[in-house]
């Protein structure tokens, strides 16, 4: 028997031992991502990383420039298409310029927590963040709120976009779960989802703190 026949025989034997049908095996192989799909997923992960590092301010032109500076051969059109698939776009906000310690930026977005991560009681400090997760159907975003006293997630929300409404929904879930009746510190980064008016309304009565 030639080598090709032996390979077919070995595959059949393995499938028989595992109790897997040949049709099921080939169906699985067809579902495996191609090299082209793997590269696309890798590029999309880089796009998300650059986008988040820019605090959601970079659009396709700037992200393309960063990718090309890192050696990626990709066009602005392709980056734009991938961003649409990810459900992200540049958040064009007026940039803050820190010139002195008393700048508007420092006054409005203070780091109240200041790396004190060990509160003495529950519901004294909550911390919120947005994490992106890759799935075969594209990226999804996990918004979560942690009580720093117990280090437990007390509310979370999965979404397919980075809209601020998902942060608001998570906050409302946390308030309902903990029945908050007094002010607490809510700590987050300075992303647009945590500085917009909808967030301010949802955290009214809280002491908002922002990472440096």
C-alpha atoms as a PDB file:
ATOM      1  CA  UNK A   1       0.000   0.000   0.000  1.00  0.00           C
ATOM      2  CA  UNK A   2       1.390   3.464  -0.849  1.00  0.00           C
ATOM      3  CA  UNK A   3       1.942   6.251   1.653  1.00  0.00           C
ATOM      4  CA  UNK A   4      -1.256   8.042   0.639  1.00  0.00           C
ATOM      5  CA  UNK A   5      -3.308   4.926   1.324  1.00  0.00           C
ATOM      6  CA  UNK A   6      -1.621   4.487   4.709  1.00  0.00           C
ATOM      7  CA  UNK A   7      -2.467   8.043   5.649  1.00  0.00           C
ATOM      8  CA  UNK A   8      -6.110   7.511   4.723  1.00  0.00           C
ATOM      9  CA  UNK A   9      -6.157   4.294   6.729  1.00  0.00           C
ATOM     10  CA  UNK A  10      -4.643   6.027   9.767  1.00  0.00           C
ATOM     11  CA  UNK A  11      -7.211   8.799   9.641  1.00  0.00           C
ATOM     12  CA  UNK A  12     -10.036   6.287   9.369  1.00  0.00           C
ATOM     13  CA  UNK A  13      -8.663   4.350  12.327  1.00  0.00           C
ATOM     14  CA  UNK A  14      -8.426   7.450  14.489  1.00  0.00           C
ATOM     15  CA  UNK A  15     -11.950   8.498  13.552  1.00  0.00           C
ATOM     16  CA  UNK A  16     -13.249   5.036  14.383  1.00  0.00           C
ATOM     17  CA  UNK A  17     -11.570   5.047  17.807  1.00  0.00           C
ATOM     18  CA  UNK A  18     -12.937   8.494  18.571  1.00  0.00           C
ATOM     19  CA  UNK A  19     -16.402   7.605  17.362  1.00  0.00           C
ATOM     20  CA  UNK A  20     -16.393  10.428  14.818  1.00  0.00           C
ATOM     21  CA  UNK A  21     -17.939  10.015  11.372  1.00  0.00           C
ATOM     22  CA  UNK A  22     -15.919  10.857   8.278  1.00  0.00           C
ATOM     23  CA  UNK A  23     -18.534  13.429   7.255  1.00  0.00           C
ATOM     24  CA  UNK A  24     -18.311  15.067  10.649  1.00  0.00           C
ATOM     25  CA  UNK A  25     -14.528  15.187  10.405  1.00  0.00           C
ATOM     26  CA  UNK A  26     -14.508  16.876   6.999  1.00  0.00           C
ATOM     27  CA  UNK A  27     -17.248  19.259   8.093  1.00  0.00           C
ATOM     28  CA  UNK A  28     -15.035  20.264  11.021  1.00  0.00           C
ATOM     29  CA  UNK A  29     -12.049  20.797   8.734  1.00  0.00           C
ATOM     30  CA  UNK A  30     -14.093  23.126   6.548  1.00  0.00           C
ATOM     31  CA  UNK A  31     -14.944  25.216   9.615  1.00  0.00           C
ATOM     32  CA  UNK A  32     -11.307  25.726  10.562  1.00  0.00           C
ATOM     33  CA  UNK A  33     -10.187  29.291   9.808  1.00  0.00           C
ATOM     34  CA  UNK A  34      -8.019  29.716   6.729  1.00  0.00           C
ATOM     35  CA  UNK A  35      -4.641  31.464   6.825  1.00  0.00           C
ATOM     36  CA  UNK A  36      -6.341  34.500   5.305  1.00  0.00           C
ATOM     37  CA  UNK A  37      -9.000  34.506   8.032  1.00  0.00           C
ATOM     38  CA  UNK A  38      -6.344  34.099  10.732  1.00  0.00           C
ATOM     39  CA  UNK A  39      -4.443  37.110   9.389  1.00  0.00           C
ATOM     40  CA  UNK A  40      -7.660  39.123   9.293  1.00  0.00           C
ATOM     41  CA  UNK A  41      -8.387  38.247  12.922  1.00  0.00           C
ATOM     42  CA  UNK A  42      -4.842  39.204  13.933  1.00  0.00           C
ATOM     43  CA  UNK A  43      -5.141  42.557  12.138  1.00  0.00           C
ATOM     44  CA  UNK A  44      -8.516  43.215  13.756  1.00  0.00           C
ATOM     45  CA  UNK A  45      -7.029  42.568  17.191  1.00  0.00           C
ATOM     46  CA  UNK A  46      -4.269  45.095  16.423  1.00  0.00           C
ATOM     47  CA  UNK A  47      -6.862  47.612  15.238  1.00  0.00           C
ATOM     48  CA  UNK A  48      -8.789  47.212  18.490  1.00  0.00           C
ATOM     49  CA  UNK A  49      -5.608  47.623  20.545  1.00  0.00           C
ATOM     50  CA  UNK A  50      -4.614  50.824  18.701  1.00  0.00           C
ATOM     51  CA  UNK A  51      -8.183  52.130  18.899  1.00  0.00           C
ATOM     52  CA  UNK A  52      -8.408  51.589  22.658  1.00  0.00           C
ATOM     53  CA  UNK A  53      -4.943  53.015  23.282  1.00  0.00           C
ATOM     54  CA  UNK A  54      -6.100  56.199  21.531  1.00  0.00           C
ATOM     55  CA  UNK A  55      -9.143  56.309  23.867  1.00  0.00           C
ATOM     56  CA  UNK A  56     -11.360  55.589  20.837  1.00  0.00           C
ATOM     57  CA  UNK A  57     -10.154  58.757  19.073  1.00  0.00           C
ATOM     58  CA  UNK A  58      -8.303  57.239  16.101  1.00  0.00           C
ATOM     59  CA  UNK A  59     -10.117  56.647  12.822  1.00  0.00           C
ATOM     60  CA  UNK A  60      -9.058  54.557   9.839  1.00  0.00           C
ATOM     61  CA  UNK A  61      -6.377  57.012   8.547  1.00  0.00           C
ATOM     62  CA  UNK A  62      -4.411  57.152  11.812  1.00  0.00           C
ATOM     63  CA  UNK A  63      -4.824  53.458  12.581  1.00  0.00           C
ATOM     64  CA  UNK A  64      -3.585  52.651   9.069  1.00  0.00           C
ATOM     65  CA  UNK A  65      -0.514  54.810   9.649  1.00  0.00           C
ATOM     66  CA  UNK A  66       0.256  53.018  12.916  1.00  0.00           C
ATOM     67  CA  UNK A  67      -0.175  49.573  11.335  1.00  0.00           C
ATOM     68  CA  UNK A  68       2.034  50.503   8.378  1.00  0.00           C
ATOM     69  CA  UNK A  69       4.698  51.860  10.731  1.00  0.00           C
ATOM     70  CA  UNK A  70       4.683  48.419  12.370  1.00  0.00           C
ATOM     71  CA  UNK A  71       5.328  46.750   9.028  1.00  0.00           C
ATOM     72  CA  UNK A  72       1.770  45.758   8.078  1.00  0.00           C
ATOM     73  CA  UNK A  73       0.889  46.066   4.398  1.00  0.00           C
ATOM     74  CA  UNK A  74      -2.708  47.237   4.554  1.00  0.00           C
ATOM     75  CA  UNK A  75      -4.782  49.984   2.951  1.00  0.00           C
ATOM     76  CA  UNK A  76      -6.896  52.600   4.673  1.00  0.00           C
ATOM     77  CA  UNK A  77      -9.966  51.195   2.900  1.00  0.00           C
ATOM     78  CA  UNK A  78      -9.369  47.737   4.387  1.00  0.00           C
ATOM     79  CA  UNK A  79      -8.864  49.197   7.859  1.00  0.00           C
ATOM     80  CA  UNK A  80     -12.116  51.123   7.454  1.00  0.00           C
ATOM     81  CA  UNK A  81     -13.958  47.956   6.430  1.00  0.00           C
ATOM     82  CA  UNK A  82     -12.592  46.049   9.428  1.00  0.00           C
ATOM     83  CA  UNK A  83     -13.587  48.882  11.772  1.00  0.00           C
ATOM     84  CA  UNK A  84     -17.142  48.750  10.442  1.00  0.00           C
ATOM     85  CA  UNK A  85     -17.213  45.000  11.076  1.00  0.00           C
ATOM     86  CA  UNK A  86     -16.036  45.647  14.622  1.00  0.00           C
ATOM     87  CA  UNK A  87     -18.676  48.314  15.127  1.00  0.00           C
ATOM     88  CA  UNK A  88     -16.160  51.031  16.023  1.00  0.00           C
ATOM     89  CA  UNK A  89     -15.405  54.484  14.705  1.00  0.00           C
ATOM     90  CA  UNK A  90     -13.424  57.509  15.767  1.00  0.00           C
ATOM     91  CA  UNK A  91     -14.922  59.492  18.617  1.00  0.00           C
ATOM     92  CA  UNK A  92     -14.118  63.021  17.572  1.00  0.00           C
ATOM     93  CA  UNK A  93     -13.914  64.907  20.848  1.00  0.00           C
ATOM     94  CA  UNK A  94     -12.111  68.122  21.659  1.00  0.00           C
ATOM     95  CA  UNK A  95      -8.732  67.115  23.053  1.00  0.00           C
ATOM     96  CA  UNK A  96      -7.664  68.282  26.496  1.00  0.00           C
ATOM     97  CA  UNK A  97      -4.313  70.017  26.858  1.00  0.00           C
ATOM     98  CA  UNK A  98      -2.652  69.731  30.251  1.00  0.00           C
ATOM     99  CA  UNK A  99      -0.509  72.812  30.751  1.00  0.00           C
ATOM    100  CA  UNK A 100      -0.601  73.187  34.540  1.00  0.00           C
ATOM    101  CA  UNK A 101      -1.703  71.189  37.535  1.00  0.00           C
ATOM    102  CA  UNK A 102      -4.840  73.359  37.694  1.00  0.00           C
ATOM    103  CA  UNK A 103      -5.988  72.663  34.126  1.00  0.00           C
ATOM    104  CA  UNK A 104      -9.649  71.893  33.439  1.00  0.00           C
ATOM    105  CA  UNK A 105      -8.677  68.308  32.654  1.00  0.00           C
ATOM    106  CA  UNK A 106      -7.158  67.771  36.092  1.00  0.00           C
ATOM    107  CA  UNK A 107     -10.031  69.457  37.898  1.00  0.00           C
ATOM    108  CA  UNK A 108     -12.860  67.658  36.116  1.00  0.00           C
ATOM    109  CA  UNK A 109     -11.331  64.182  35.891  1.00  0.00           C
ATOM    110  CA  UNK A 110      -9.561  63.597  39.182  1.00  0.00           C
ATOM    111  CA  UNK A 111      -7.993  60.345  40.287  1.00  0.00           C
ATOM    112  CA  UNK A 112      -9.820  60.167  43.623  1.00  0.00           C
ATOM    113  CA  UNK A 113      -8.830  56.546  44.143  1.00  0.00           C
ATOM    114  CA  UNK A 114      -5.117  57.312  43.626  1.00  0.00           C
ATOM    115  CA  UNK A 115      -4.125  53.626  43.664  1.00  0.00           C
ATOM    116  CA  UNK A 116      -5.781  52.912  47.022  1.00  0.00           C
ATOM    117  CA  UNK A 117      -7.268  49.567  46.024  1.00  0.00           C
ATOM    118  CA  UNK A 118      -8.212  48.199  49.447  1.00  0.00           C
ATOM    119  CA  UNK A 119     -11.408  49.815  50.751  1.00  0.00           C
ATOM    120  CA  UNK A 120     -12.452  48.880  54.274  1.00  0.00           C
ATOM    121  CA  UNK A 121     -16.078  48.020  53.476  1.00  0.00           C
ATOM    122  CA  UNK A 122     -18.318  46.806  50.635  1.00  0.00           C
ATOM    123  CA  UNK A 123     -19.783  49.353  48.203  1.00  0.00           C
ATOM    124  CA  UNK A 124     -17.146  51.941  49.046  1.00  0.00           C
ATOM    125  CA  UNK A 125     -15.357  51.732  45.698  1.00  0.00           C
ATOM    126  CA  UNK A 126     -16.546  50.282  42.405  1.00  0.00           C
ATOM    127  CA  UNK A 127     -14.327  49.954  39.361  1.00  0.00           C
ATOM    128  CA  UNK A 128     -15.590  49.651  35.774  1.00  0.00           C
ATOM    129  CA  UNK A 129     -13.866  48.608  32.559  1.00  0.00           C
ATOM    130  CA  UNK A 130     -14.649  47.493  28.999  1.00  0.00           C
ATOM    131  CA  UNK A 131     -12.899  44.413  27.606  1.00  0.00           C
ATOM    132  CA  UNK A 132     -13.116  43.227  24.008  1.00  0.00           C
ATOM    133  CA  UNK A 133     -13.438  39.521  23.246  1.00  0.00           C
ATOM    134  CA  UNK A 134     -12.945  37.867  19.863  1.00  0.00           C
ATOM    135  CA  UNK A 135     -15.554  35.339  18.700  1.00  0.00           C
ATOM    136  CA  UNK A 136     -16.065  33.607  15.353  1.00  0.00           C
ATOM    137  CA  UNK A 137     -18.860  36.104  14.661  1.00  0.00           C
ATOM    138  CA  UNK A 138     -16.709  39.146  15.431  1.00  0.00           C
ATOM    139  CA  UNK A 139     -15.808  41.137  18.517  1.00  0.00           C
ATOM    140  CA  UNK A 140     -18.091  41.489  21.518  1.00  0.00           C
ATOM    141  CA  UNK A 141     -17.520  43.845  24.398  1.00  0.00           C
ATOM    142  CA  UNK A 142     -17.773  43.013  28.086  1.00  0.00           C
ATOM    143  CA  UNK A 143     -18.573  45.929  30.374  1.00  0.00           C
ATOM    144  CA  UNK A 144     -18.127  45.006  34.022  1.00  0.00           C
ATOM    145  CA  UNK A 145     -18.243  46.580  37.464  1.00  0.00           C
ATOM    146  CA  UNK A 146     -16.173  45.226  40.350  1.00  0.00           C
ATOM    147  CA  UNK A 147     -16.546  45.935  44.046  1.00  0.00           C
ATOM    148  CA  UNK A 148     -12.926  46.461  45.094  1.00  0.00           C
ATOM    149  CA  UNK A 149     -13.640  45.328  48.658  1.00  0.00           C
ATOM    150  CA  UNK A 150     -14.472  41.742  47.641  1.00  0.00           C
ATOM    151  CA  UNK A 151     -12.862  41.822  44.166  1.00  0.00           C
ATOM    152  CA  UNK A 152     -16.124  40.386  42.828  1.00  0.00           C
ATOM    153  CA  UNK A 153     -17.901  41.375  39.624  1.00  0.00           C
ATOM    154  CA  UNK A 154     -21.296  42.670  40.715  1.00  0.00           C
ATOM    155  CA  UNK A 155     -22.701  43.538  37.276  1.00  0.00           C
ATOM    156  CA  UNK A 156     -21.784  42.969  33.650  1.00  0.00           C
ATOM    157  CA  UNK A 157     -23.167  43.438  30.149  1.00  0.00           C
ATOM    158  CA  UNK A 158     -22.187  41.949  26.776  1.00  0.00           C
ATOM    159  CA  UNK A 159     -22.657  44.055  23.647  1.00  0.00           C
ATOM    160  CA  UNK A 160     -21.621  44.243  20.013  1.00  0.00           C
ATOM    161  CA  UNK A 161     -20.862  47.982  20.080  1.00  0.00           C
ATOM    162  CA  UNK A 162     -18.959  50.387  22.318  1.00  0.00           C
ATOM    163  CA  UNK A 163     -21.899  52.697  22.930  1.00  0.00           C
ATOM    164  CA  UNK A 164     -22.125  54.381  26.324  1.00  0.00           C
ATOM    165  CA  UNK A 165     -25.614  52.973  26.873  1.00  0.00           C
ATOM    166  CA  UNK A 166     -24.092  49.598  27.761  1.00  0.00           C
ATOM    167  CA  UNK A 167     -22.019  51.183  30.512  1.00  0.00           C
ATOM    168  CA  UNK A 168     -25.150  52.898  31.794  1.00  0.00           C
ATOM    169  CA  UNK A 169     -27.056  49.596  31.723  1.00  0.00           C
ATOM    170  CA  UNK A 170     -24.279  47.922  33.734  1.00  0.00           C
ATOM    171  CA  UNK A 171     -24.317  50.701  36.311  1.00  0.00           C
ATOM    172  CA  UNK A 172     -28.073  50.386  36.688  1.00  0.00           C
ATOM    173  CA  UNK A 173     -27.728  46.625  37.206  1.00  0.00           C
ATOM    174  CA  UNK A 174     -25.085  47.197  39.894  1.00  0.00           C
ATOM    175  CA  UNK A 175     -27.174  49.816  41.709  1.00  0.00           C
ATOM    176  CA  UNK A 176     -30.187  47.511  41.669  1.00  0.00           C
ATOM    177  CA  UNK A 177     -28.163  44.517  42.899  1.00  0.00           C
ATOM    178  CA  UNK A 178     -26.521  46.421  45.765  1.00  0.00           C
ATOM    179  CA  UNK A 179     -29.407  48.799  46.635  1.00  0.00           C
ATOM    180  CA  UNK A 180     -27.061  51.726  47.004  1.00  0.00           C
ATOM    181  CA  UNK A 181     -28.284  54.411  49.414  1.00  0.00           C
ATOM    182  CA  UNK A 182     -25.132  56.486  49.894  1.00  0.00           C
ATOM    183  CA  UNK A 183     -22.386  57.974  47.699  1.00  0.00           C
ATOM    184  CA  UNK A 184     -19.486  55.775  46.654  1.00  0.00           C
ATOM    185  CA  UNK A 185     -16.398  56.134  44.487  1.00  0.00           C
ATOM    186  CA  UNK A 186     -16.805  54.958  40.880  1.00  0.00           C
ATOM    187  CA  UNK A 187     -13.400  54.512  39.230  1.00  0.00           C
ATOM    188  CA  UNK A 188     -12.767  54.064  35.487  1.00  0.00           C
ATOM    189  CA  UNK A 189     -10.500  55.096  32.644  1.00  0.00           C
ATOM    190  CA  UNK A 190     -11.033  58.308  30.673  1.00  0.00           C
ATOM    191  CA  UNK A 191     -12.732  56.732  27.655  1.00  0.00           C
ATOM    192  CA  UNK A 192     -15.619  58.592  26.059  1.00  0.00           C
ATOM    193  CA  UNK A 193     -18.103  56.094  27.543  1.00  0.00           C
ATOM    194  CA  UNK A 194     -17.085  57.229  31.052  1.00  0.00           C
ATOM    195  CA  UNK A 195     -17.004  60.979  30.429  1.00  0.00           C
ATOM    196  CA  UNK A 196     -20.209  61.518  28.434  1.00  0.00           C
ATOM    197  CA  UNK A 197     -23.401  63.077  29.802  1.00  0.00           C
ATOM    198  CA  UNK A 198     -25.248  59.723  29.940  1.00  0.00           C
ATOM    199  CA  UNK A 199     -22.575  58.341  32.273  1.00  0.00           C
ATOM    200  CA  UNK A 200     -22.697  61.439  34.452  1.00  0.00           C
ATOM    201  CA  UNK A 201     -26.443  61.073  34.811  1.00  0.00           C
ATOM    202  CA  UNK A 202     -26.167  57.372  35.687  1.00  0.00           C
ATOM    203  CA  UNK A 203     -23.562  58.107  38.374  1.00  0.00           C
ATOM    204  CA  UNK A 204     -25.271  61.169  39.823  1.00  0.00           C
ATOM    205  CA  UNK A 205     -24.533  61.255  43.542  1.00  0.00           C
ATOM    206  CA  UNK A 206     -21.412  59.118  43.088  1.00  0.00           C
ATOM    207  CA  UNK A 207     -17.840  60.379  43.417  1.00  0.00           C
ATOM    208  CA  UNK A 208     -16.329  59.807  39.974  1.00  0.00           C
ATOM    209  CA  UNK A 209     -12.650  58.914  39.829  1.00  0.00           C
ATOM    210  CA  UNK A 210     -10.507  58.508  36.705  1.00  0.00           C
ATOM    211  CA  UNK A 211      -7.203  56.763  36.136  1.00  0.00           C
ATOM    212  CA  UNK A 212      -4.252  58.953  35.200  1.00  0.00           C
END
